[in-house]
Amino acid sequence: MEHATAIKVSNLTKVYQLYKHPQDRLKEALHPLRRLYHHDFYALKDVSFEIKKGETVGIIGRNGAGKSTLLKMITGVLTPSSGDIAVKGRIASLLELGAGFNPDMTGLENIYLNGTLMGIENEIMDSKIEAILAFADIGEFIHQPVKMYSSGMFARLAFSVSINVDPDVLIIDEALSVGDMAFQLKCFKKFQEFQEEGKTILFVTHALDTIIRYCSRGIVIDAGEKICDDTSKEAVDIFKKVLTGNFNPHASLEENKQSSTINTDEIVLKEAFANNKDILEYGNNKANIYDYGMIDHQGNINSIFDYDTPCEIIMRVIFNEPIENPIFAFTIKDAKGLEITGTNTLMHHVDTKSYKPQESVSIRFKQNMNLQLGKYALSLGCVTINDEGIEVYSRLYDAILFEVIGNYQMVGFFDLKSTIELIPSESS
């Protein structure tokens, strides 16, 4: 028996009229020949999909791709320029912090206000108050005006209200990212309970491992258009190609899914990565790291890596003076700035040879990406050790920001590849 459709979106389009100057709007309205002073911006263009009851679907895309616009139209916050939306059942949504909250009212008063907005009578909300307060866990602040709340307290209360009104469809737009780790774990446990109860969940997130771990499907939106609707793993793979410029909008989805290994020796690697404005570069310029990049297990330039898959770190160095046996190194820092791993050619007893001015070399570090899921920064260096200590020829701090994703969970930084064996004790 097929599942019933919970959400159906048909040819959905949202167009905004953009004007270069504020007065152009008035000029256009009053012009006798109906001259146009605006240009159309398609925040969403001809998007269609169906979500069955009980599915958990993640929507991913770059900033400004149209994801939030889509959710706002599904929930009725925005009106489509054209197209149709059909939703079956009660929707509970968490689109942005503070939406539907009166800042001057207390948390408790806002709970009832949100219930009213969703068409729930106060008598019914009375029966849900205990569960809402227990999940939000904000203590005595529930009796304080919400304008005093931190962003985390906003998220806790808003999410608690959304999940405790017995919705048929839960829609969330990135709002959980402000909560602490314990609260996020509690939210995702609730997601699993909803899945077991056959409820429909639709959410936007930049945490790609969350898409893989919790979603049965993934929809990729880029420049207002749906470019992929597939399994969560396939959707994340397509999105990685979008981020690194390897997605061809003129090719079919099946063609884009195919691995397209490139010749890394013929291109400038660093141009494929987002520019990190906080990169720190220094050294005495006897040598320079003039190019660098990261390659995934399919041979593509990438900044998002599947857990425990092969990865190459490439750095290219040119020498401005005669140099003997330079040391090439990389280090990796986590999101908190803690240097957690790294290596260099000296540690590996690699003979790095000698170089004359204007000679260059390409260094490849090959390893499996078995880091904890999360975001990291890669730093690179070319140095030597002499009687005065470490002489830095060229060093790049936080040259590439990258991410490790997957559905594998562990504690700490690394997976030790432990095996587990259970040996039953002999009965007496």
Protein backbone atom coordinates (compact mmCIF):
# COMPACT_ATOMS: atom_id res chain seq x y z
CA MET A 1 0.00 0.00 0.00
CA GLU A 2 1.41 3.36 -1.04
CA HIS A 3 1.84 6.08 1.52
CA ALA A 4 -0.45 9.08 1.18
CA THR A 5 1.03 12.35 -0.04
CA ALA A 6 1.75 14.78 2.80
CA ILE A 7 3.15 17.67 0.73
CA LYS A 8 2.75 18.28 -2.99
CA VAL A 9 4.51 21.20 -4.66
CA SER A 10 3.68 21.86 -8.31
CA ASN A 11 5.57 24.30 -10.57
CA LEU A 12 6.26 26.63 -7.68
CA THR A 13 7.75 30.01 -8.61
CA LYS A 14 8.53 33.11 -6.57
CA VAL A 15 9.56 36.28 -8.41
CA TYR A 16 10.70 39.53 -6.82
CA GLN A 17 10.86 42.83 -8.66
CA LEU A 18 14.19 44.49 -7.90
CA TYR A 19 14.81 48.20 -8.42
CA LYS A 20 18.19 49.94 -8.62
CA HIS A 21 16.86 53.04 -6.82
CA PRO A 22 13.93 53.44 -4.37
CA GLN A 23 12.34 56.15 -6.54
CA ASP A 24 12.22 53.80 -9.55
CA ARG A 25 9.24 52.03 -8.03
CA LEU A 26 7.23 55.26 -8.11
CA LYS A 27 8.47 56.12 -11.62
CA GLU A 28 7.27 52.76 -12.89
CA ALA A 29 3.85 53.15 -11.28
CA LEU A 30 3.31 56.62 -12.76
CA HIS A 31 4.97 56.28 -16.16
CA PRO A 32 2.37 56.97 -18.92
CA LEU A 33 3.93 54.42 -21.29
CA ARG A 34 4.28 51.76 -18.56
CA ARG A 35 8.06 51.78 -18.78
CA LEU A 36 9.66 49.13 -16.58
CA TYR A 37 12.38 50.16 -14.14
CA HIS A 38 12.78 46.81 -12.45
CA HIS A 39 14.25 43.43 -13.29
CA ASP A 40 12.82 40.12 -12.19
CA PHE A 41 14.70 37.99 -9.67
CA TYR A 42 13.59 34.37 -9.43
CA ALA A 43 14.04 33.28 -5.82
CA LEU A 44 12.39 29.99 -6.84
CA LYS A 45 11.68 28.77 -10.37
CA ASP A 46 9.29 26.00 -11.42
CA VAL A 47 9.98 23.66 -8.50
CA SER A 48 7.93 20.47 -8.16
CA PHE A 49 8.09 17.48 -5.81
CA GLU A 50 5.97 15.22 -3.61
CA ILE A 51 6.70 14.12 -0.07
CA LYS A 52 4.92 11.04 1.23
CA LYS A 53 3.55 10.74 4.75
CA GLY A 54 6.26 9.53 7.12
CA GLU A 55 9.23 10.67 5.02
CA THR A 56 12.07 12.76 6.45
CA VAL A 57 13.41 14.99 3.69
CA GLY A 58 16.35 17.38 3.87
CA ILE A 59 16.70 20.41 1.64
CA ILE A 60 20.25 21.56 0.95
CA GLY A 61 21.78 24.33 -1.11
CA ARG A 62 24.11 27.27 -0.97
CA ASN A 63 23.18 30.49 0.85
CA GLY A 64 20.62 32.35 -1.24
CA ALA A 65 19.65 29.26 -3.24
CA GLY A 66 15.95 29.57 -2.31
CA LYS A 67 15.62 26.96 0.45
CA SER A 68 14.06 29.24 3.07
CA THR A 69 11.79 30.82 0.47
CA LEU A 70 10.49 27.36 -0.37
CA LEU A 71 9.74 26.49 3.26
CA LYS A 72 8.05 29.84 3.86
CA MET A 73 5.70 29.25 0.95
CA ILE A 74 4.88 25.72 2.12
CA THR A 75 3.98 27.08 5.56
CA GLY A 76 2.00 29.98 4.12
CA VAL A 77 4.30 32.78 5.28
CA LEU A 78 4.96 33.78 1.65
CA THR A 79 2.59 33.70 -1.32
CA PRO A 80 3.85 32.05 -4.52
CA SER A 81 4.01 34.06 -7.73
CA SER A 82 2.72 30.95 -9.48
CA GLY A 83 2.30 27.25 -8.83
CA ASP A 84 0.39 25.20 -6.29
CA ILE A 85 1.06 23.80 -2.82
CA ALA A 86 -1.03 21.13 -1.10
CA VAL A 87 -0.33 20.07 2.50
CA LYS A 88 -2.35 17.44 4.35
CA GLY A 89 -2.52 17.64 8.12
CA ARG A 90 -1.43 20.10 10.78
CA ILE A 91 1.89 21.88 10.15
CA ALA A 92 4.23 22.92 12.94
CA SER A 93 7.10 25.06 11.72
CA LEU A 94 10.25 26.60 13.11
CA LEU A 95 11.46 28.92 10.36
CA GLU A 96 13.53 31.48 12.22
CA LEU A 97 14.19 32.44 15.80
CA GLY A 98 11.43 34.48 17.35
CA ALA A 99 8.96 33.97 14.51
CA GLY A 100 5.47 34.07 16.00
CA PHE A 101 6.78 35.31 19.36
CA ASN A 102 5.83 38.62 20.93
CA PRO A 103 9.03 39.94 22.54
CA ASP A 104 7.15 41.74 25.31
CA MET A 105 5.17 38.68 26.37
CA THR A 106 6.53 35.99 28.65
CA GLY A 107 7.55 32.58 27.40
CA LEU A 108 4.43 31.06 28.92
CA GLU A 109 2.18 33.62 27.25
CA ASN A 110 3.93 33.00 23.93
CA ILE A 111 3.21 29.29 24.19
CA TYR A 112 -0.51 30.04 24.21
CA LEU A 113 -0.05 32.67 21.48
CA ASN A 114 1.62 30.11 19.22
CA GLY A 115 -1.14 27.62 19.96
CA THR A 116 -3.72 30.19 18.91
CA LEU A 117 -1.82 30.88 15.67
CA MET A 118 -1.94 27.15 14.91
CA GLY A 119 -5.65 26.99 15.67
CA ILE A 120 -5.32 25.14 18.97
CA GLU A 121 -7.67 26.08 21.79
CA ASN A 122 -6.26 27.11 25.18
CA GLU A 123 -7.86 24.11 26.88
CA ILE A 124 -5.87 21.78 24.66
CA MET A 125 -2.68 23.77 25.21
CA ASP A 126 -3.24 23.41 28.97
CA SER A 127 -2.77 19.66 28.61
CA LYS A 128 0.49 20.15 26.70
CA ILE A 129 2.14 22.76 28.93
CA GLU A 130 3.93 20.26 31.17
CA ALA A 131 5.54 18.47 28.22
CA ILE A 132 6.51 21.77 26.55
CA LEU A 133 8.17 23.12 29.69
CA ALA A 134 9.99 19.86 30.36
CA PHE A 135 11.45 19.69 26.85
CA ALA A 136 12.40 23.40 26.68
CA ASP A 137 14.03 23.21 30.13
CA ILE A 138 14.58 26.96 30.51
CA GLY A 139 13.57 27.10 34.18
CA GLU A 140 12.22 30.31 35.67
CA PHE A 141 12.84 32.21 32.44
CA ILE A 142 9.51 30.87 31.21
CA HIS A 143 7.93 33.68 33.23
CA GLN A 144 10.19 36.38 31.75
CA PRO A 145 9.63 38.41 28.55
CA VAL A 146 11.19 36.57 25.61
CA LYS A 147 13.15 39.70 24.62
CA MET A 148 15.43 38.73 27.51
CA TYR A 149 16.11 35.27 26.02
CA SER A 150 19.33 34.18 24.42
CA SER A 151 19.16 32.68 20.92
CA GLY A 152 19.55 29.23 22.46
CA MET A 153 16.59 29.77 24.80
CA PHE A 154 14.51 31.01 21.85
CA ALA A 155 15.31 27.81 19.97
CA ARG A 156 14.54 25.55 22.92
CA LEU A 157 11.14 27.09 23.57
CA ALA A 158 10.13 27.42 19.92
CA PHE A 159 11.13 23.86 19.07
CA SER A 160 9.45 22.51 22.17
CA VAL A 161 6.16 24.18 21.21
CA SER A 162 6.44 22.92 17.62
CA ILE A 163 6.93 19.26 18.50
CA ASN A 164 4.42 19.07 21.35
CA VAL A 165 1.33 20.23 19.45
CA ASP A 166 1.07 16.82 17.75
CA PRO A 167 1.83 18.01 14.20
CA ASP A 168 1.40 15.83 11.13
CA VAL A 169 4.15 17.76 9.33
CA LEU A 170 7.17 19.33 11.05
CA ILE A 171 9.11 21.97 9.08
CA ILE A 172 12.39 23.38 10.39
CA ASP A 173 14.74 25.92 8.83
CA GLU A 174 18.25 25.65 10.34
CA ALA A 175 17.01 26.90 13.73
CA LEU A 176 18.51 24.00 15.69
CA SER A 177 22.07 25.06 14.93
CA VAL A 178 21.99 27.59 17.80
CA GLY A 179 21.20 25.03 20.49
CA ASP A 180 23.87 23.35 22.60
CA MET A 181 24.98 19.78 21.90
CA ALA A 182 22.75 18.21 24.56
CA PHE A 183 19.69 20.01 23.22
CA GLN A 184 20.49 19.03 19.62
CA LEU A 185 20.78 15.38 20.65
CA LYS A 186 17.40 15.64 22.37
CA CYS A 187 15.89 17.18 19.23
CA PHE A 188 17.18 14.45 16.95
CA LYS A 189 15.94 11.81 19.36
CA LYS A 190 12.54 13.43 18.99
CA PHE A 191 12.98 13.28 15.22
CA GLN A 192 13.44 9.53 15.49
CA GLU A 193 10.29 9.22 17.61
CA PHE A 194 8.37 11.20 14.99
CA GLN A 195 9.69 8.92 12.25
CA GLU A 196 8.53 5.88 14.19
CA GLU A 197 5.10 7.50 14.56
CA GLY A 198 4.87 8.04 10.80
CA LYS A 199 5.06 11.84 10.88
CA THR A 200 6.54 13.89 8.04
CA ILE A 201 9.65 16.00 8.61
CA LEU A 202 11.04 18.57 6.20
CA PHE A 203 14.06 20.63 7.15
CA VAL A 204 16.85 22.81 5.85
CA THR A 205 20.33 22.36 7.23
CA HIS A 206 23.97 22.96 6.29
CA ALA A 207 25.02 19.93 8.37
CA LEU A 208 25.36 17.38 5.58
CA ASP A 209 25.99 14.48 7.96
CA THR A 210 22.55 15.21 9.46
CA ILE A 211 21.00 14.77 6.01
CA ILE A 212 22.71 11.40 5.56
CA ARG A 213 21.96 10.20 9.08
CA TYR A 214 18.30 11.16 9.44
CA CYS A 215 16.82 11.70 5.97
CA SER A 216 15.45 9.15 3.54
CA ARG A 217 15.63 11.75 0.74
CA GLY A 218 17.52 14.89 -0.13
CA ILE A 219 16.49 17.76 -2.39
CA VAL A 220 19.18 20.08 -3.73
CA ILE A 221 18.19 23.64 -4.64
CA ASP A 222 20.57 25.89 -6.58
CA ALA A 223 19.84 29.36 -7.96
CA GLY A 224 16.13 28.82 -7.26
CA GLU A 225 15.89 25.57 -9.21
CA LYS A 226 15.60 21.96 -8.07
CA ILE A 227 18.63 20.16 -9.47
CA CYS A 228 18.39 16.88 -7.55
CA ASP A 229 15.76 14.84 -5.72
CA ASP A 230 17.28 11.51 -4.72
CA THR A 231 18.50 9.48 -1.77
CA SER A 232 20.20 11.52 0.92
CA LYS A 233 23.65 10.18 -0.07
CA GLU A 234 23.17 10.97 -3.77
CA ALA A 235 21.84 14.45 -2.94
CA VAL A 236 24.85 15.23 -0.74
CA ASP A 237 27.22 14.03 -3.47
CA ILE A 238 25.54 16.33 -6.00
CA PHE A 239 25.70 19.24 -3.55
CA LYS A 240 29.43 18.66 -3.05
CA LYS A 241 29.85 19.00 -6.81
CA VAL A 242 27.85 22.24 -6.75
CA LEU A 243 30.11 23.68 -4.03
CA THR A 244 33.31 22.82 -5.89
CA GLY A 245 32.11 23.88 -9.34
CA ASN A 246 31.99 20.31 -10.67
CA PHE A 247 28.23 20.33 -11.34
CA ASN A 248 27.24 20.88 -14.97
CA PRO A 249 23.76 22.47 -15.15
CA HIS A 250 23.53 21.61 -18.85
CA ALA A 251 24.12 17.88 -18.29
CA SER A 252 21.61 15.34 -17.04
CA LEU A 253 21.48 14.35 -13.38
CA GLU A 254 22.82 10.89 -14.24
CA GLU A 255 25.79 12.45 -16.06
CA ASN A 256 26.49 14.67 -13.05
CA LYS A 257 26.45 11.65 -10.75
CA GLN A 258 29.28 10.03 -12.67
CA SER A 259 32.78 10.53 -11.38
CA SER A 260 34.73 13.02 -13.49
CA THR A 261 38.32 12.69 -12.37
CA ILE A 262 40.36 15.69 -13.43
CA ASN A 263 44.02 16.10 -14.21
CA THR A 264 45.15 18.06 -11.17
CA ASP A 265 48.53 18.80 -12.78
CA GLU A 266 46.92 21.03 -15.40
CA ILE A 267 44.86 23.40 -13.21
CA VAL A 268 45.30 25.88 -10.36
CA LEU A 269 43.89 23.96 -7.42
CA LYS A 270 43.37 26.80 -4.94
CA GLU A 271 40.97 28.61 -7.27
CA ALA A 272 38.40 25.86 -6.66
CA PHE A 273 38.16 26.63 -2.93
CA ALA A 274 36.26 29.40 -1.19
CA ASN A 275 38.54 32.25 -0.23
CA ASN A 276 39.18 32.27 3.51
CA LYS A 277 39.52 35.92 4.53
CA ASP A 278 41.26 34.86 7.76
CA ILE A 279 44.09 32.97 6.07
CA LEU A 280 47.50 33.88 7.53
CA GLU A 281 50.56 33.75 5.28
CA TYR A 282 54.15 34.39 6.33
CA GLY A 283 57.77 33.32 5.81
CA ASN A 284 61.10 34.62 4.51
CA ASN A 285 60.14 33.86 0.88
CA LYS A 286 63.17 31.71 0.11
CA ALA A 287 60.40 29.37 -1.07
CA ASN A 288 56.69 29.95 -1.65
CA ILE A 289 53.64 27.71 -1.48
CA TYR A 290 52.02 28.96 -4.67
CA ASP A 291 49.21 26.44 -4.98
CA TYR A 292 47.37 23.90 -2.83
CA GLY A 293 44.23 21.78 -2.71
CA MET A 294 42.45 18.68 -1.48
CA ILE A 295 41.31 15.71 -3.58
CA ASP A 296 38.58 13.24 -2.60
CA HIS A 297 38.42 9.48 -3.14
CA GLN A 298 36.92 9.95 -6.61
CA GLY A 299 39.79 12.15 -7.75
CA ASN A 300 37.76 15.38 -7.57
CA ILE A 301 38.80 18.64 -5.95
CA ASN A 302 36.65 18.90 -2.84
CA SER A 303 36.25 20.49 0.58
CA ILE A 304 33.65 17.98 1.83
CA PHE A 305 34.83 14.43 2.48
CA ASP A 306 33.01 11.23 3.33
CA TYR A 307 34.21 9.72 6.58
CA ASP A 308 37.09 7.20 6.30
CA THR A 309 37.56 7.60 2.54
CA PRO A 310 40.93 8.28 0.85
CA CYS A 311 41.94 11.93 0.64
CA GLU A 312 44.97 13.70 -0.84
CA ILE A 313 46.42 17.00 0.35
CA ILE A 314 48.45 18.68 -2.38
CA MET A 315 50.86 21.58 -2.03
CA ARG A 316 53.04 23.11 -4.75
CA VAL A 317 56.20 24.97 -3.84
CA ILE A 318 58.54 27.12 -5.93
CA PHE A 319 62.05 27.97 -4.71
CA ASN A 320 63.60 31.42 -4.94
CA GLU A 321 67.01 30.46 -3.52
CA PRO A 322 69.05 27.24 -3.41
CA ILE A 323 67.43 25.02 -0.77
CA GLU A 324 68.56 21.63 0.52
CA ASN A 325 66.21 19.09 2.06
CA PRO A 326 63.22 21.33 2.87
CA ILE A 327 60.54 20.01 5.20
CA PHE A 328 56.99 19.94 3.86
CA ALA A 329 54.19 19.76 6.42
CA PHE A 330 50.48 20.03 7.05
CA THR A 331 48.39 20.38 10.21
CA ILE A 332 44.64 20.22 10.84
CA LYS A 333 42.71 22.25 13.42
CA ASP A 334 39.16 21.69 14.60
CA ALA A 335 36.43 24.33 14.75
CA LYS A 336 37.66 25.45 18.19
CA GLY A 337 41.17 26.11 16.89
CA LEU A 338 42.76 23.04 18.51
CA GLU A 339 45.53 21.52 16.41
CA ILE A 340 44.56 17.86 16.39
CA THR A 341 46.78 16.18 13.81
CA GLY A 342 49.38 16.67 11.13
CA THR A 343 52.62 15.30 9.77
CA ASN A 344 55.66 16.26 7.70
CA THR A 345 58.31 14.79 5.48
CA LEU A 346 60.91 14.75 8.28
CA MET A 347 58.72 12.55 10.48
CA HIS A 348 58.25 10.15 7.55
CA HIS A 349 62.01 10.15 6.73
CA VAL A 350 61.34 11.33 3.18
CA ASP A 351 64.34 12.54 1.18
CA THR A 352 63.07 15.85 -0.18
CA LYS A 353 66.22 16.52 -2.30
CA SER A 354 67.75 19.89 -3.20
CA TYR A 355 66.40 22.67 -5.39
CA LYS A 356 67.77 25.54 -7.45
CA PRO A 357 66.07 28.94 -7.87
CA GLN A 358 62.85 28.74 -9.96
CA GLU A 359 62.60 24.98 -9.54
CA SER A 360 59.31 23.72 -8.16
CA VAL A 361 57.90 20.55 -6.64
CA SER A 362 54.44 19.10 -5.96
CA ILE A 363 53.93 17.26 -2.66
CA ARG A 364 51.03 14.86 -2.08
CA PHE A 365 50.03 13.65 1.37
CA LYS A 366 47.78 10.58 1.09
CA GLN A 367 45.59 9.32 3.96
CA ASN A 368 42.12 8.22 4.94
CA MET A 369 39.84 10.89 6.35
CA ASN A 370 39.00 9.14 9.62
CA LEU A 371 38.40 12.30 11.63
CA GLN A 372 35.32 12.87 13.75
CA LEU A 373 32.46 14.33 11.71
CA GLY A 374 32.72 18.11 11.71
CA LYS A 375 34.48 21.15 10.27
CA TYR A 376 38.24 21.67 10.12
CA ALA A 377 40.98 23.98 8.85
CA LEU A 378 44.06 22.87 6.92
CA SER A 379 47.42 24.63 7.31
CA LEU A 380 50.51 24.08 5.16
CA GLY A 381 54.19 24.76 5.61
CA CYS A 382 57.62 24.63 3.97
CA VAL A 383 60.43 25.01 6.52
CA THR A 384 63.86 23.79 7.54
CA ILE A 385 65.64 23.15 10.81
CA ASN A 386 69.05 24.70 11.37
CA ASP A 387 71.26 25.73 14.28
CA GLU A 388 68.94 28.62 15.11
CA GLY A 389 65.81 26.49 15.18
CA ILE A 390 62.99 26.39 12.65
CA GLU A 391 63.41 28.62 9.62
CA VAL A 392 60.08 29.26 7.91
CA TYR A 393 60.25 29.62 4.15
CA SER A 394 56.49 29.71 3.59
CA ARG A 395 53.56 28.94 5.85
CA LEU A 396 49.80 29.18 5.26
CA TYR A 397 47.51 29.00 8.28
CA ASP A 398 43.87 27.98 7.67
CA ALA A 399 44.43 27.76 3.92
CA ILE A 400 41.39 25.51 3.35
CA LEU A 401 38.25 25.09 5.43
CA PHE A 402 36.82 21.61 4.95
CA GLU A 403 34.22 19.26 6.40
CA VAL A 404 33.95 15.54 7.17
CA ILE A 405 30.49 14.02 6.85
CA GLY A 406 28.87 10.59 7.21
CA ASN A 407 26.56 8.52 9.37
CA TYR A 408 29.28 7.06 11.58
CA GLN A 409 29.34 8.12 15.24
CA MET A 410 32.21 8.01 17.70
CA VAL A 411 33.67 9.86 20.67
CA GLY A 412 36.72 12.11 20.41
CA PHE A 413 38.79 13.00 17.34
CA PHE A 414 39.75 9.72 15.68
CA ASP A 415 38.40 6.25 15.02
CA LEU A 416 40.80 3.62 16.36
CA LYS A 417 39.22 0.97 14.14
CA SER A 418 38.35 -1.11 17.18
CA THR A 419 36.73 -4.49 16.76
CA ILE A 420 34.30 -5.80 19.35
CA GLU A 421 34.01 -9.37 20.52
CA LEU A 422 31.53 -10.79 23.01
CA ILE A 423 32.47 -14.03 24.73
CA PRO A 424 29.65 -15.63 26.76
CA SER A 425 30.81 -16.90 30.12
CA GLU A 426 30.44 -20.58 30.76
CA SER A 427 27.41 -21.49 32.81
CA SER A 428 28.19 -23.06 36.15
